PDB file of N, CA and C in Angstrom:
ATOM      1  N   MET A   1      37.631  -2.166 -22.622  1.00  0.00           N
ATOM      2  CA  MET A   1      36.333  -1.729 -22.865  1.00  0.00           C
ATOM      3  C   MET A   1      35.289  -2.836 -22.335  1.00  0.00           C
ATOM      4  N   LYS A   2      34.363  -2.444 -21.654  1.00  0.00           N
ATOM      5  CA  LYS A   2      33.382  -3.405 -21.116  1.00  0.00           C
ATOM      6  C   LYS A   2      32.215  -3.671 -22.132  1.00  0.00           C
ATOM      7  N   ILE A   3      31.886  -4.873 -22.404  1.00  0.00           N
ATOM      8  CA  ILE A   3      30.831  -5.209 -23.233  1.00  0.00           C
ATOM      9  C   ILE A   3      29.535  -5.255 -22.427  1.00  0.00           C
ATOM     10  N   ARG A   4      28.566  -4.590 -23.005  1.00  0.00           N
ATOM     11  CA  ARG A   4      27.150  -4.483 -22.372  1.00  0.00           C
ATOM     12  C   ARG A   4      26.437  -5.784 -22.560  1.00  0.00           C
ATOM     13  N   GLN A   5      25.849  -6.216 -21.515  1.00  0.00           N
ATOM     14  CA  GLN A   5      25.033  -7.510 -21.527  1.00  0.00           C
ATOM     15  C   GLN A   5      23.622  -7.117 -21.507  1.00  0.00           C
ATOM     16  N   SER A   6      23.039  -6.637 -22.568  1.00  0.00           N
ATOM     17  CA  SER A   6      21.749  -6.082 -22.664  1.00  0.00           C
ATOM     18  C   SER A   6      20.637  -7.086 -22.364  1.00  0.00           C
ATOM     19  N   ASN A   7      20.870  -8.352 -22.595  1.00  0.00           N
ATOM     20  CA  ASN A   7      19.882  -9.318 -22.196  1.00  0.00           C
ATOM     21  C   ASN A   7      19.676  -9.452 -20.676  1.00  0.00           C
ATOM     22  N   TYR A   8      20.780  -9.332 -19.861  1.00  0.00           N
ATOM     23  CA  TYR A   8      20.709  -9.398 -18.433  1.00  0.00           C
ATOM     24  C   TYR A   8      20.103  -8.143 -17.950  1.00  0.00           C
ATOM     25  N   GLU A   9      20.448  -6.985 -18.623  1.00  0.00           N
ATOM     26  CA  GLU A   9      19.875  -5.682 -18.130  1.00  0.00           C
ATOM     27  C   GLU A   9      18.386  -5.684 -18.449  1.00  0.00           C
ATOM     28  N   LEU A  10      17.846  -6.241 -19.542  1.00  0.00           N
ATOM     29  CA  LEU A  10      16.505  -6.269 -19.835  1.00  0.00           C
ATOM     30  C   LEU A  10      15.791  -7.194 -18.803  1.00  0.00           C
ATOM     31  N   MET A  11      16.324  -8.250 -18.429  1.00  0.00           N
ATOM     32  CA  MET A  11      15.817  -9.157 -17.369  1.00  0.00           C
ATOM     33  C   MET A  11      15.735  -8.416 -16.104  1.00  0.00           C
ATOM     34  N   ARG A  12      16.740  -7.629 -15.790  1.00  0.00           N
ATOM     35  CA  ARG A  12      16.656  -6.842 -14.502  1.00  0.00           C
ATOM     36  C   ARG A  12      15.635  -5.838 -14.457  1.00  0.00           C
ATOM     37  N   ILE A  13      15.349  -5.163 -15.583  1.00  0.00           N
ATOM     38  CA  ILE A  13      14.347  -4.195 -15.707  1.00  0.00           C
ATOM     39  C   ILE A  13      12.954  -4.886 -15.693  1.00  0.00           C
ATOM     40  N   VAL A  14      12.678  -6.022 -16.305  1.00  0.00           N
ATOM     41  CA  VAL A  14      11.466  -6.733 -16.229  1.00  0.00           C
ATOM     42  C   VAL A  14      11.272  -7.238 -14.759  1.00  0.00           C
ATOM     43  N   SER A  15      12.353  -7.697 -14.142  1.00  0.00           N
ATOM     44  CA  SER A  15      12.138  -8.086 -12.688  1.00  0.00           C
ATOM     45  C   SER A  15      11.713  -6.997 -11.829  1.00  0.00           C
ATOM     46  N   MET A  16      12.314  -5.830 -12.058  1.00  0.00           N
ATOM     47  CA  MET A  16      11.879  -4.600 -11.232  1.00  0.00           C
ATOM     48  C   MET A  16      10.414  -4.290 -11.406  1.00  0.00           C
ATOM     49  N   LEU A  17      10.053  -4.325 -12.686  1.00  0.00           N
ATOM     50  CA  LEU A  17       8.614  -4.005 -12.950  1.00  0.00           C
ATOM     51  C   LEU A  17       7.654  -5.046 -12.353  1.00  0.00           C
ATOM     52  N   LEU A  18       8.005  -6.361 -12.375  1.00  0.00           N
ATOM     53  CA  LEU A  18       7.203  -7.421 -11.788  1.00  0.00           C
ATOM     54  C   LEU A  18       7.269  -7.403 -10.308  1.00  0.00           C
ATOM     55  N   ILE A  19       8.332  -6.901  -9.720  1.00  0.00           N
ATOM     56  CA  ILE A  19       8.355  -6.769  -8.229  1.00  0.00           C
ATOM     57  C   ILE A  19       7.511  -5.627  -7.851  1.00  0.00           C
ATOM     58  N   VAL A  20       7.386  -4.541  -8.549  1.00  0.00           N
ATOM     59  CA  VAL A  20       6.423  -3.466  -8.299  1.00  0.00           C
ATOM     60  C   VAL A  20       5.024  -3.965  -8.374  1.00  0.00           C
ATOM     61  N   LEU A  21       4.706  -4.779  -9.475  1.00  0.00           N
ATOM     62  CA  LEU A  21       3.377  -5.336  -9.611  1.00  0.00           C
ATOM     63  C   LEU A  21       3.082  -6.303  -8.413  1.00  0.00           C
ATOM     64  N   TYR A  22       4.058  -7.094  -8.000  1.00  0.00           N
ATOM     65  CA  TYR A  22       3.862  -7.970  -6.876  1.00  0.00           C
ATOM     66  C   TYR A  22       3.455  -7.267  -5.597  1.00  0.00           C
ATOM     67  N   HIS A  23       4.207  -6.062  -5.322  1.00  0.00           N
ATOM     68  CA  HIS A  23       3.798  -5.273  -4.209  1.00  0.00           C
ATOM     69  C   HIS A  23       2.491  -4.647  -4.325  1.00  0.00           C
ATOM     70  N   ILE A  24       2.086  -4.187  -5.540  1.00  0.00           N
ATOM     71  CA  ILE A  24       0.764  -3.623  -5.696  1.00  0.00           C
ATOM     72  C   ILE A  24      -0.290  -4.754  -5.426  1.00  0.00           C
ATOM     73  N   LEU A  25      -0.107  -5.953  -5.885  1.00  0.00           N
ATOM     74  CA  LEU A  25      -1.059  -7.027  -5.728  1.00  0.00           C
ATOM     75  C   LEU A  25      -1.143  -7.452  -4.267  1.00  0.00           C
ATOM     76  N   SER A  26       0.045  -7.627  -3.608  1.00  0.00           N
ATOM     77  CA  SER A  26       0.030  -8.099  -2.237  1.00  0.00           C
ATOM     78  C   SER A  26      -0.266  -7.138  -1.194  1.00  0.00           C
ATOM     79  N   HIS A  27       0.335  -5.863  -1.256  1.00  0.00           N
ATOM     80  CA  HIS A  27       0.188  -4.937  -0.267  1.00  0.00           C
ATOM     81  C   HIS A  27      -1.011  -3.968  -0.526  1.00  0.00           C
ATOM     82  N   GLY A  28      -1.418  -3.983  -1.763  1.00  0.00           N
ATOM     83  CA  GLY A  28      -2.557  -3.049  -2.148  1.00  0.00           C
ATOM     84  C   GLY A  28      -3.933  -3.701  -1.910  1.00  0.00           C
ATOM     85  N   GLN A  29      -3.993  -4.813  -1.225  1.00  0.00           N
ATOM     86  CA  GLN A  29      -5.270  -5.494  -0.824  1.00  0.00           C
ATOM     87  C   GLN A  29      -6.043  -5.851  -2.126  1.00  0.00           C
ATOM     88  N   VAL A  30      -5.390  -6.207  -3.188  1.00  0.00           N
ATOM     89  CA  VAL A  30      -6.048  -6.583  -4.486  1.00  0.00           C
ATOM     90  C   VAL A  30      -6.681  -7.925  -4.239  1.00  0.00           C
ATOM     91  N   LEU A  31      -5.830  -8.798  -3.549  1.00  0.00           N
ATOM     92  CA  LEU A  31      -6.231 -10.230  -3.405  1.00  0.00           C
ATOM     93  C   LEU A  31      -7.489 -10.301  -2.531  1.00  0.00           C
ATOM     94  N   HIS A  32      -7.617  -9.413  -1.438  1.00  0.00           N
ATOM     95  CA  HIS A  32      -8.664  -9.478  -0.589  1.00  0.00           C
ATOM     96  C   HIS A  32     -10.017  -8.836  -1.154  1.00  0.00           C
ATOM     97  N   ASN A  33      -9.893  -8.081  -2.287  1.00  0.00           N
ATOM     98  CA  ASN A  33     -11.059  -7.352  -2.854  1.00  0.00           C
ATOM     99  C   ASN A  33     -11.514  -8.121  -4.111  1.00  0.00           C
ATOM    100  N   THR A  34     -11.015  -9.285  -4.451  1.00  0.00           N
ATOM    101  CA  THR A  34     -11.480  -9.905  -5.590  1.00  0.00           C
ATOM    102  C   THR A  34     -12.179 -11.286  -5.276  1.00  0.00           C
ATOM    103  N   THR A  35     -13.030 -11.636  -6.217  1.00  0.00           N
ATOM    104  CA  THR A  35     -13.701 -12.945  -5.932  1.00  0.00           C
ATOM    105  C   THR A  35     -13.678 -13.758  -7.338  1.00  0.00           C
ATOM    106  N   GLY A  36     -14.030 -14.935  -7.302  1.00  0.00           N
ATOM    107  CA  GLY A  36     -14.286 -15.707  -8.500  1.00  0.00           C
ATOM    108  C   GLY A  36     -13.049 -15.928  -9.339  1.00  0.00           C
ATOM    109  N   VAL A  37     -13.239 -15.780 -10.665  1.00  0.00           N
ATOM    110  CA  VAL A  37     -12.114 -15.953 -11.566  1.00  0.00           C
ATOM    111  C   VAL A  37     -11.067 -14.982 -11.404  1.00  0.00           C
ATOM    112  N   MET A  38     -11.424 -13.686 -11.086  1.00  0.00           N
ATOM    113  CA  MET A  38     -10.491 -12.521 -10.958  1.00  0.00           C
ATOM    114  C   MET A  38      -9.581 -12.908  -9.763  1.00  0.00           C
ATOM    115  N   HIS A  39     -10.162 -13.591  -8.688  1.00  0.00           N
ATOM    116  CA  HIS A  39      -9.271 -13.930  -7.551  1.00  0.00           C
ATOM    117  C   HIS A  39      -8.211 -14.972  -7.961  1.00  0.00           C
ATOM    118  N   LEU A  40      -8.614 -15.958  -8.731  1.00  0.00           N
ATOM    119  CA  LEU A  40      -7.613 -16.906  -9.288  1.00  0.00           C
ATOM    120  C   LEU A  40      -6.596 -16.301 -10.165  1.00  0.00           C
ATOM    121  N   ILE A  41      -6.965 -15.281 -10.949  1.00  0.00           N
ATOM    122  CA  ILE A  41      -5.998 -14.679 -11.786  1.00  0.00           C
ATOM    123  C   ILE A  41      -5.028 -13.823 -10.990  1.00  0.00           C
ATOM    124  N   VAL A  42      -5.509 -13.180  -9.928  1.00  0.00           N
ATOM    125  CA  VAL A  42      -4.575 -12.407  -9.058  1.00  0.00           C
ATOM    126  C   VAL A  42      -3.606 -13.406  -8.322  1.00  0.00           C
ATOM    127  N   ILE A  43      -4.111 -14.588  -7.867  1.00  0.00           N
ATOM    128  CA  ILE A  43      -3.182 -15.581  -7.210  1.00  0.00           C
ATOM    129  C   ILE A  43      -2.204 -16.032  -8.240  1.00  0.00           C
ATOM    130  N   PHE A  44      -2.574 -16.316  -9.445  1.00  0.00           N
ATOM    131  CA  PHE A  44      -1.622 -16.752 -10.512  1.00  0.00           C
ATOM    132  C   PHE A  44      -0.536 -15.710 -10.696  1.00  0.00           C
ATOM    133  N   LEU A  45      -0.943 -14.422 -10.845  1.00  0.00           N
ATOM    134  CA  LEU A  45      -0.045 -13.257 -11.030  1.00  0.00           C
ATOM    135  C   LEU A  45       0.935 -13.220  -9.747  1.00  0.00           C
ATOM    136  N   LEU A  46       0.452 -13.376  -8.570  1.00  0.00           N
ATOM    137  CA  LEU A  46       1.314 -13.324  -7.466  1.00  0.00           C
ATOM    138  C   LEU A  46       2.366 -14.400  -7.540  1.00  0.00           C
ATOM    139  N   CYS A  47       1.951 -15.651  -7.940  1.00  0.00           N
ATOM    140  CA  CYS A  47       2.913 -16.795  -7.981  1.00  0.00           C
ATOM    141  C   CYS A  47       3.944 -16.380  -9.061  1.00  0.00           C
ATOM    142  N   ILE A  48       3.569 -15.864 -10.133  1.00  0.00           N
ATOM    143  CA  ILE A  48       4.460 -15.504 -11.240  1.00  0.00           C
ATOM    144  C   ILE A  48       5.436 -14.417 -10.920  1.00  0.00           C
ATOM    145  N   THR A  49       4.958 -13.349 -10.187  1.00  0.00           N
ATOM    146  CA  THR A  49       5.761 -12.304  -9.886  1.00  0.00           C
ATOM    147  C   THR A  49       6.692 -12.519  -8.663  1.00  0.00           C
ATOM    148  N   MET A  50       6.334 -13.413  -7.851  1.00  0.00           N
ATOM    149  CA  MET A  50       7.127 -13.717  -6.617  1.00  0.00           C
ATOM    150  C   MET A  50       8.606 -14.241  -7.041  1.00  0.00           C
ATOM    151  N   VAL A  51       8.618 -14.930  -8.111  1.00  0.00           N
ATOM    152  CA  VAL A  51       9.950 -15.433  -8.485  1.00  0.00           C
ATOM    153  C   VAL A  51      10.963 -14.304  -8.856  1.00  0.00           C
ATOM    154  N   HIS A  52      10.472 -13.160  -9.321  1.00  0.00           N
ATOM    155  CA  HIS A  52      11.392 -12.168  -9.839  1.00  0.00           C
ATOM    156  C   HIS A  52      12.144 -11.376  -8.799  1.00  0.00           C
ATOM    157  N   VAL A  53      11.735 -11.516  -7.506  1.00  0.00           N
ATOM    158  CA  VAL A  53      12.613 -10.996  -6.419  1.00  0.00           C
ATOM    159  C   VAL A  53      13.877 -11.819  -6.343  1.00  0.00           C
ATOM    160  N   ASN A  54      13.856 -13.101  -6.468  1.00  0.00           N
ATOM    161  CA  ASN A  54      15.081 -13.938  -6.433  1.00  0.00           C
ATOM    162  C   ASN A  54      15.934 -13.685  -7.652  1.00  0.00           C
ATOM    163  N   SER A  55      15.288 -13.560  -8.763  1.00  0.00           N
ATOM    164  CA  SER A  55      16.075 -13.302 -10.005  1.00  0.00           C
ATOM    165  C   SER A  55      16.790 -11.906 -10.036  1.00  0.00           C
ATOM    166  N   PHE A  56      16.070 -10.971  -9.460  1.00  0.00           N
ATOM    167  CA  PHE A  56      16.702  -9.602  -9.375  1.00  0.00           C
ATOM    168  C   PHE A  56      17.914  -9.692  -8.452  1.00  0.00           C
ATOM    169  N   VAL A  57      17.836 -10.364  -7.277  1.00  0.00           N
ATOM    170  CA  VAL A  57      18.838 -10.496  -6.356  1.00  0.00           C
ATOM    171  C   VAL A  57      20.125 -11.191  -7.055  1.00  0.00           C
ATOM    172  N   MET A  58      19.796 -12.340  -7.702  1.00  0.00           N
ATOM    173  CA  MET A  58      20.847 -13.053  -8.389  1.00  0.00           C
ATOM    174  C   MET A  58      21.603 -12.214  -9.471  1.00  0.00           C
ATOM    175  N   LEU A  59      20.764 -11.474 -10.280  1.00  0.00           N
ATOM    176  CA  LEU A  59      21.386 -10.706 -11.286  1.00  0.00           C
ATOM    177  C   LEU A  59      22.279  -9.451 -10.685  1.00  0.00           C
ATOM    178  N   THR A  60      21.766  -8.903  -9.597  1.00  0.00           N
ATOM    179  CA  THR A  60      22.496  -7.865  -8.924  1.00  0.00           C
ATOM    180  C   THR A  60      23.809  -8.414  -8.430  1.00  0.00           C
ATOM    181  N   GLY A  61      23.736  -9.668  -7.779  1.00  0.00           N
ATOM    182  CA  GLY A  61      25.005 -10.256  -7.369  1.00  0.00           C
ATOM    183  C   GLY A  61      25.903 -10.538  -8.536  1.00  0.00           C
ATOM    184  N   TYR A  62      25.442 -10.988  -9.607  1.00  0.00           N
ATOM    185  CA  TYR A  62      26.267 -11.381 -10.749  1.00  0.00           C
ATOM    186  C   TYR A  62      26.964 -10.005 -11.298  1.00  0.00           C
ATOM    187  N   PHE A  63      26.220  -8.879 -11.329  1.00  0.00           N
ATOM    188  CA  PHE A  63      26.904  -7.634 -11.855  1.00  0.00           C
ATOM    189  C   PHE A  63      27.868  -7.092 -10.822  1.00  0.00           C
ATOM    190  N   ASN A  64      27.714  -7.425  -9.509  1.00  0.00           N
ATOM    191  CA  ASN A  64      28.498  -6.802  -8.509  1.00  0.00           C
ATOM    192  C   ASN A  64      29.613  -7.720  -7.778  1.00  0.00           C
ATOM    193  N   TYR A  65      29.759  -8.927  -8.344  1.00  0.00           N
ATOM    194  CA  TYR A  65      30.572  -9.901  -7.632  1.00  0.00           C
ATOM    195  C   TYR A  65      32.051  -9.437  -7.644  1.00  0.00           C
ATOM    196  N   ASN A  66      32.534  -8.762  -8.517  1.00  0.00           N
ATOM    197  CA  ASN A  66      33.916  -8.449  -8.506  1.00  0.00           C
ATOM    198  C   ASN A  66      34.206  -6.996  -8.138  1.00  0.00           C
ATOM    199  N   LYS A  67      33.247  -6.250  -7.600  1.00  0.00           N
ATOM    200  CA  LYS A  67      33.379  -4.927  -7.253  1.00  0.00           C
ATOM    201  C   LYS A  67      33.728  -4.859  -5.783  1.00  0.00           C
ATOM    202  N   THR A  68      34.504  -3.830  -5.402  1.00  0.00           N
ATOM    203  CA  THR A  68      34.841  -3.674  -4.041  1.00  0.00           C
ATOM    204  C   THR A  68      33.767  -2.905  -3.201  1.00  0.00           C
ATOM    205  N   PHE A  69      33.618  -3.122  -1.997  1.00  0.00           N
ATOM    206  CA  PHE A  69      32.704  -2.369  -1.110  1.00  0.00           C
ATOM    207  C   PHE A  69      33.218  -1.026  -0.885  1.00  0.00           C
ATOM    208  N   SER A  70      32.219  -0.014  -1.016  1.00  0.00           N
ATOM    209  CA  SER A  70      32.654   1.347  -0.787  1.00  0.00           C
ATOM    210  C   SER A  70      31.612   1.980   0.224  1.00  0.00           C
ATOM    211  N   ILE A  71      32.153   2.453   1.277  1.00  0.00           N
ATOM    212  CA  ILE A  71      31.303   3.116   2.351  1.00  0.00           C
ATOM    213  C   ILE A  71      30.565   4.292   1.775  1.00  0.00           C
ATOM    214  N   LYS A  72      31.111   5.051   0.872  1.00  0.00           N
ATOM    215  CA  LYS A  72      30.544   6.221   0.206  1.00  0.00           C
ATOM    216  C   LYS A  72      29.287   5.688  -0.552  1.00  0.00           C
ATOM    217  N   LYS A  73      29.362   4.679  -1.321  1.00  0.00           N
ATOM    218  CA  LYS A  73      28.210   4.149  -2.004  1.00  0.00           C
ATOM    219  C   LYS A  73      27.057   3.623  -1.083  1.00  0.00           C
ATOM    220  N   PHE A  74      27.538   3.023   0.015  1.00  0.00           N
ATOM    221  CA  PHE A  74      26.545   2.546   0.975  1.00  0.00           C
ATOM    222  C   PHE A  74      25.777   3.738   1.578  1.00  0.00           C
ATOM    223  N   PHE A  75      26.457   4.747   1.924  1.00  0.00           N
ATOM    224  CA  PHE A  75      25.705   5.917   2.560  1.00  0.00           C
ATOM    225  C   PHE A  75      24.895   6.683   1.481  1.00  0.00           C
ATOM    226  N   LYS A  76      25.344   6.652   0.219  1.00  0.00           N
ATOM    227  CA  LYS A  76      24.570   7.342  -0.896  1.00  0.00           C
ATOM    228  C   LYS A  76      23.304   6.637  -1.030  1.00  0.00           C
ATOM    229  N   THR A  77      23.300   5.310  -1.058  1.00  0.00           N
ATOM    230  CA  THR A  77      22.112   4.503  -1.160  1.00  0.00           C
ATOM    231  C   THR A  77      21.218   4.573   0.012  1.00  0.00           C
ATOM    232  N   PHE A  78      21.813   4.588   1.205  1.00  0.00           N
ATOM    233  CA  PHE A  78      21.062   4.728   2.450  1.00  0.00           C
ATOM    234  C   PHE A  78      20.371   6.048   2.532  1.00  0.00           C
ATOM    235  N   ASN A  79      21.018   7.170   2.109  1.00  0.00           N
ATOM    236  CA  ASN A  79      20.412   8.557   2.159  1.00  0.00           C
ATOM    237  C   ASN A  79      19.332   8.615   1.117  1.00  0.00           C
ATOM    238  N   MET A  80      19.497   7.981  -0.094  1.00  0.00           N
ATOM    239  CA  MET A  80      18.505   7.994  -1.113  1.00  0.00           C
ATOM    240  C   MET A  80      17.233   7.279  -0.578  1.00  0.00           C
ATOM    241  N   MET A  81      17.383   6.165   0.163  1.00  0.00           N
ATOM    242  CA  MET A  81      16.325   5.308   0.647  1.00  0.00           C
ATOM    243  C   MET A  81      15.490   6.127   1.626  1.00  0.00           C
ATOM    244  N   TRP A  82      16.166   6.880   2.538  1.00  0.00           N
ATOM    245  CA  TRP A  82      15.545   7.683   3.553  1.00  0.00           C
ATOM    246  C   TRP A  82      14.868   8.919   2.935  1.00  0.00           C
ATOM    247  N   PHE A  83      15.439   9.445   1.968  1.00  0.00           N
ATOM    248  CA  PHE A  83      14.740  10.607   1.231  1.00  0.00           C
ATOM    249  C   PHE A  83      13.460  10.206   0.633  1.00  0.00           C
ATOM    250  N   TYR A  84      13.411   9.053  -0.125  1.00  0.00           N
ATOM    251  CA  TYR A  84      12.183   8.592  -0.712  1.00  0.00           C
ATOM    252  C   TYR A  84      11.156   8.205   0.344  1.00  0.00           C
ATOM    253  N   GLN A  85      11.614   7.559   1.395  1.00  0.00           N
ATOM    254  CA  GLN A  85      10.684   7.150   2.437  1.00  0.00           C
ATOM    255  C   GLN A  85       9.978   8.387   2.995  1.00  0.00           C
ATOM    256  N   VAL A  86      10.708   9.385   3.411  1.00  0.00           N
ATOM    257  CA  VAL A  86      10.170  10.592   4.003  1.00  0.00           C
ATOM    258  C   VAL A  86       9.295  11.273   2.989  1.00  0.00           C
ATOM    259  N   ALA A  87       9.733  11.427   1.661  1.00  0.00           N
ATOM    260  CA  ALA A  87       8.963  12.079   0.694  1.00  0.00           C
ATOM    261  C   ALA A  87       7.567  11.390   0.438  1.00  0.00           C
ATOM    262  N   ILE A  88       7.613  10.108   0.394  1.00  0.00           N
ATOM    263  CA  ILE A  88       6.309   9.333   0.240  1.00  0.00           C
ATOM    264  C   ILE A  88       5.480   9.499   1.400  1.00  0.00           C
ATOM    265  N   ILE A  89       5.955   9.524   2.622  1.00  0.00           N
ATOM    266  CA  ILE A  89       5.124   9.704   3.795  1.00  0.00           C
ATOM    267  C   ILE A  89       4.540  11.155   3.771  1.00  0.00           C
ATOM    268  N   ILE A  90       5.320  12.086   3.411  1.00  0.00           N
ATOM    269  CA  ILE A  90       4.783  13.525   3.281  1.00  0.00           C
ATOM    270  C   ILE A  90       3.656  13.616   2.283  1.00  0.00           C
ATOM    271  N   VAL A  91       3.862  12.999   1.113  1.00  0.00           N
ATOM    272  CA  VAL A  91       2.893  13.116   0.030  1.00  0.00           C
ATOM    273  C   VAL A  91       1.569  12.409   0.499  1.00  0.00           C
ATOM    274  N   LEU A  92       1.723  11.204   1.092  1.00  0.00           N
ATOM    275  CA  LEU A  92       0.568  10.509   1.511  1.00  0.00           C
ATOM    276  C   LEU A  92      -0.208  11.287   2.630  1.00  0.00           C
ATOM    277  N   THR A  93       0.544  11.884   3.517  1.00  0.00           N
ATOM    278  CA  THR A  93      -0.081  12.667   4.602  1.00  0.00           C
ATOM    279  C   THR A  93      -0.798  13.837   3.977  1.00  0.00           C
ATOM    280  N   ILE A  94      -0.209  14.571   3.020  1.00  0.00           N
ATOM    281  CA  ILE A  94      -0.907  15.645   2.294  1.00  0.00           C
ATOM    282  C   ILE A  94      -2.173  15.244   1.663  1.00  0.00           C
ATOM    283  N   CYS A  95      -2.177  14.033   1.047  1.00  0.00           N
ATOM    284  CA  CYS A  95      -3.315  13.560   0.356  1.00  0.00           C
ATOM    285  C   CYS A  95      -4.386  12.958   1.288  1.00  0.00           C
ATOM    286  N   GLY A  96      -4.164  12.966   2.602  1.00  0.00           N
ATOM    287  CA  GLY A  96      -5.132  12.546   3.547  1.00  0.00           C
ATOM    288  C   GLY A  96      -5.100  11.153   3.962  1.00  0.00           C
ATOM    289  N   TYR A  97      -3.924  10.387   3.710  1.00  0.00           N
ATOM    290  CA  TYR A  97      -3.794   9.053   4.095  1.00  0.00           C
ATOM    291  C   TYR A  97      -3.225   8.945   5.440  1.00  0.00           C
ATOM    292  N   ASP A  98      -3.863   8.130   6.331  1.00  0.00           N
ATOM    293  CA  ASP A  98      -3.420   7.993   7.709  1.00  0.00           C
ATOM    294  C   ASP A  98      -2.434   6.820   7.699  1.00  0.00           C
ATOM    295  N   ILE A  99      -1.151   7.097   7.951  1.00  0.00           N
ATOM    296  CA  ILE A  99      -0.103   6.109   7.902  1.00  0.00           C
ATOM    297  C   ILE A  99      -0.277   5.019   8.900  1.00  0.00           C
ATOM    298  N   ILE A 100      -0.800   5.394  10.116  1.00  0.00           N
ATOM    299  CA  ILE A 100      -0.939   4.429  11.230  1.00  0.00           C
ATOM    300  C   ILE A 100      -2.023   3.364  10.803  1.00  0.00           C
ATOM    301  N   SER A 101      -3.212   3.813  10.473  1.00  0.00           N
ATOM    302  CA  SER A 101      -4.245   2.921  10.265  1.00  0.00           C
ATOM    303  C   SER A 101      -4.366   2.372   8.846  1.00  0.00           C
ATOM    304  N   GLY A 102      -3.617   3.033   7.905  1.00  0.00           N
ATOM    305  CA  GLY A 102      -3.708   2.659   6.486  1.00  0.00           C
ATOM    306  C   GLY A 102      -4.905   2.932   5.809  1.00  0.00           C
ATOM    307  N   LYS A 103      -5.675   3.960   6.182  1.00  0.00           N
ATOM    308  CA  LYS A 103      -6.826   4.275   5.528  1.00  0.00           C
ATOM    309  C   LYS A 103      -6.840   5.795   5.240  1.00  0.00           C
ATOM    310  N   TYR A 104      -7.737   6.222   4.107  1.00  0.00           N
ATOM    311  CA  TYR A 104      -7.889   7.539   3.826  1.00  0.00           C
ATOM    312  C   TYR A 104      -8.780   8.228   4.784  1.00  0.00           C
ATOM    313  N   GLN A 105      -8.558   9.506   5.141  1.00  0.00           N
ATOM    314  CA  GLN A 105      -9.450  10.235   6.079  1.00  0.00           C
ATOM    315  C   GLN A 105     -10.522  10.895   5.381  1.00  0.00           C
TER     316      GLN A 105
END
């Protein structure tokens, strides 16, 4: 029987959420659209959330260090990634977002 390590799983979930926040702040042009104190708060949040990419990678490695590589799992993950990429592009195009220029029409 395998014992669940809920503290590491919680850290992984928090890391995922903070990685999403990091992407929103950095790629969502939040940093470029703020000034003054709010600009400093966004920079502080970027510094805090940047660390969680490394912690997520280390935790994933910790949970997978003794597992064997499976080509089936690799293609399952690869297909899921392509599905979401295409689905997001379709939704953005329907909503009027120009993928090339990065602006709404």
